[in-house]
Amino acid sequence: MVAGKSGKPEARSWSSPSEVAPGSGVDAQLALMRDLTAGRIEAPDFARSWLSARRRSMDNRERVRERFDRIITDVFYVLDDYVIDPDLREQGDMDDEELTAKVRVALEKLDSLP
């Protein structure tokens, strides 16, 4: 977000991770994705924090361009299929390793955006 003449944030649409404003919800989502794939955060903590950052991003009306949005939205859908509490998982449910692998693929796609 960029402050406009009124002092209120103005919507800006980012097309790649390098354009994302530090401290934004999208920035937090990206950092959490990197933390998960680097083993600095456990999958359940990632899921809760990422969804919180997504809500913050939406509340702040942060916008990303189509290809970027598609990748971030895919992570949201992956988390929709992920059961955070391992005690509630059933056979065939996505596990932490599968979640991490899918997030890694999303990061690779994001890193390839111009």
Protein backbone atom coordinates (compact mmCIF):
# COMPACT_ATOMS: atom_id res chain seq x y z
CA MET A 1 0.00 0.00 0.00
CA VAL A 2 1.16 3.49 -0.79
CA ALA A 3 -0.07 6.59 1.06
CA GLY A 4 -2.03 8.86 -1.23
CA LYS A 5 -2.65 12.61 -1.03
CA SER A 6 -5.32 12.05 1.62
CA GLY A 7 -2.84 10.14 3.79
CA LYS A 8 -4.91 6.98 3.41
CA PRO A 9 -3.37 3.95 1.75
CA GLU A 10 -4.05 3.57 -1.94
CA ALA A 11 -4.40 0.16 -3.53
CA ARG A 12 -1.50 -0.98 -5.64
CA SER A 13 -1.31 -4.20 -7.56
CA TRP A 14 1.93 -6.18 -7.28
CA SER A 15 2.99 -8.50 -10.08
CA SER A 16 5.91 -10.26 -8.37
CA PRO A 17 7.23 -10.89 -4.85
CA SER A 18 10.01 -8.34 -5.35
CA GLU A 19 7.40 -5.56 -5.64
CA VAL A 20 5.49 -6.43 -2.45
CA ALA A 21 5.55 -3.75 0.25
CA PRO A 22 7.43 -4.75 3.40
CA GLY A 23 5.11 -5.30 6.33
CA SER A 24 2.08 -6.03 4.15
CA GLY A 25 -0.08 -9.12 4.56
CA VAL A 26 1.24 -10.49 1.28
CA ASP A 27 4.79 -9.93 2.53
CA ALA A 28 3.93 -11.95 5.65
CA GLN A 29 2.45 -14.75 3.52
CA LEU A 30 5.63 -14.95 1.45
CA ALA A 31 7.88 -14.92 4.53
CA LEU A 32 5.83 -17.71 6.11
CA MET A 33 6.08 -19.77 2.93
CA ARG A 34 9.86 -19.37 2.96
CA ASP A 35 10.00 -20.21 6.67
CA LEU A 36 7.99 -23.41 6.15
CA THR A 37 10.13 -24.66 3.28
CA ALA A 38 13.33 -23.82 5.20
CA GLY A 39 12.11 -25.72 8.27
CA ARG A 40 11.92 -22.63 10.50
CA ILE A 41 8.22 -23.11 11.26
CA GLU A 42 6.05 -26.17 11.79
CA ALA A 43 3.27 -26.84 9.28
CA PRO A 44 0.34 -26.28 11.69
CA ASP A 45 1.82 -22.95 12.83
CA PHE A 46 2.40 -22.01 9.20
CA ALA A 47 -1.22 -22.76 8.31
CA ARG A 48 -2.67 -20.66 11.12
CA SER A 49 -0.28 -17.74 10.55
CA TRP A 50 -0.60 -17.80 6.76
CA LEU A 51 -4.39 -17.71 6.92
CA SER A 52 -4.20 -14.82 9.39
CA ALA A 53 -1.83 -12.94 7.05
CA ARG A 54 -4.22 -13.60 4.16
CA ARG A 55 -7.11 -12.12 6.15
CA ARG A 56 -4.96 -9.07 6.93
CA SER A 57 -4.08 -8.73 3.26
CA MET A 58 -7.72 -8.88 2.25
CA ASP A 59 -8.80 -6.49 5.01
CA ASN A 60 -6.16 -4.02 3.79
CA ARG A 61 -7.33 -4.52 0.19
CA GLU A 62 -3.87 -5.55 -0.94
CA ARG A 63 -3.87 -6.70 -4.52
CA VAL A 64 -1.65 -8.85 -6.65
CA ARG A 65 -1.82 -9.35 -10.39
CA GLU A 66 -3.42 -12.35 -12.03
CA ARG A 67 -0.52 -14.84 -12.16
CA PHE A 68 0.65 -13.90 -8.65
CA ASP A 69 -2.92 -14.12 -7.37
CA ARG A 70 -3.45 -17.53 -8.93
CA ILE A 71 -0.40 -18.94 -7.12
CA ILE A 72 -1.33 -17.40 -3.76
CA THR A 73 -4.90 -18.60 -4.16
CA ASP A 74 -3.62 -22.11 -4.88
CA VAL A 75 -1.84 -22.03 -1.50
CA PHE A 76 -5.12 -21.01 0.11
CA TYR A 77 -6.87 -24.00 -1.49
CA VAL A 78 -4.07 -26.31 -0.38
CA LEU A 79 -4.57 -25.08 3.18
CA ASP A 80 -8.31 -25.62 2.79
CA ASP A 81 -7.51 -29.32 2.22
CA TYR A 82 -4.99 -29.48 5.08
CA VAL A 83 -6.17 -30.63 8.50
CA ILE A 84 -4.18 -28.53 10.98
CA ASP A 85 -4.66 -30.82 13.98
CA PRO A 86 -2.76 -34.07 13.29
CA ASP A 87 -5.04 -35.92 15.73
CA LEU A 88 -8.00 -35.20 13.43
CA ARG A 89 -6.33 -36.34 10.21
CA GLU A 90 -7.62 -39.42 8.52
CA GLN A 91 -5.85 -41.79 6.20
CA GLY A 92 -5.36 -40.08 2.87
CA ASP A 93 -5.42 -36.55 4.32
CA MET A 94 -2.56 -34.27 3.40
CA ASP A 95 0.31 -34.45 5.88
CA ASP A 96 2.91 -31.84 6.83
CA GLU A 97 5.42 -33.06 4.25
CA GLU A 98 2.88 -32.86 1.44
CA LEU A 99 1.90 -29.36 2.51
CA THR A 100 5.53 -28.29 2.55
CA ALA A 101 6.11 -29.78 -0.91
CA LYS A 102 3.11 -27.93 -2.35
CA VAL A 103 4.21 -24.65 -0.79
CA ARG A 104 7.71 -25.20 -2.19
CA VAL A 105 6.24 -25.57 -5.70
CA ALA A 106 4.23 -22.37 -5.20
CA LEU A 107 7.37 -20.51 -4.11
CA GLU A 108 9.23 -21.73 -7.18
CA LYS A 109 6.40 -20.42 -9.36
CA LEU A 110 6.41 -17.09 -7.51
CA ASP A 111 10.17 -16.78 -7.84
CA SER A 112 9.87 -17.27 -11.62
CA LEU A 113 7.51 -14.30 -12.03
CA PRO A 114 9.09 -11.37 -13.86
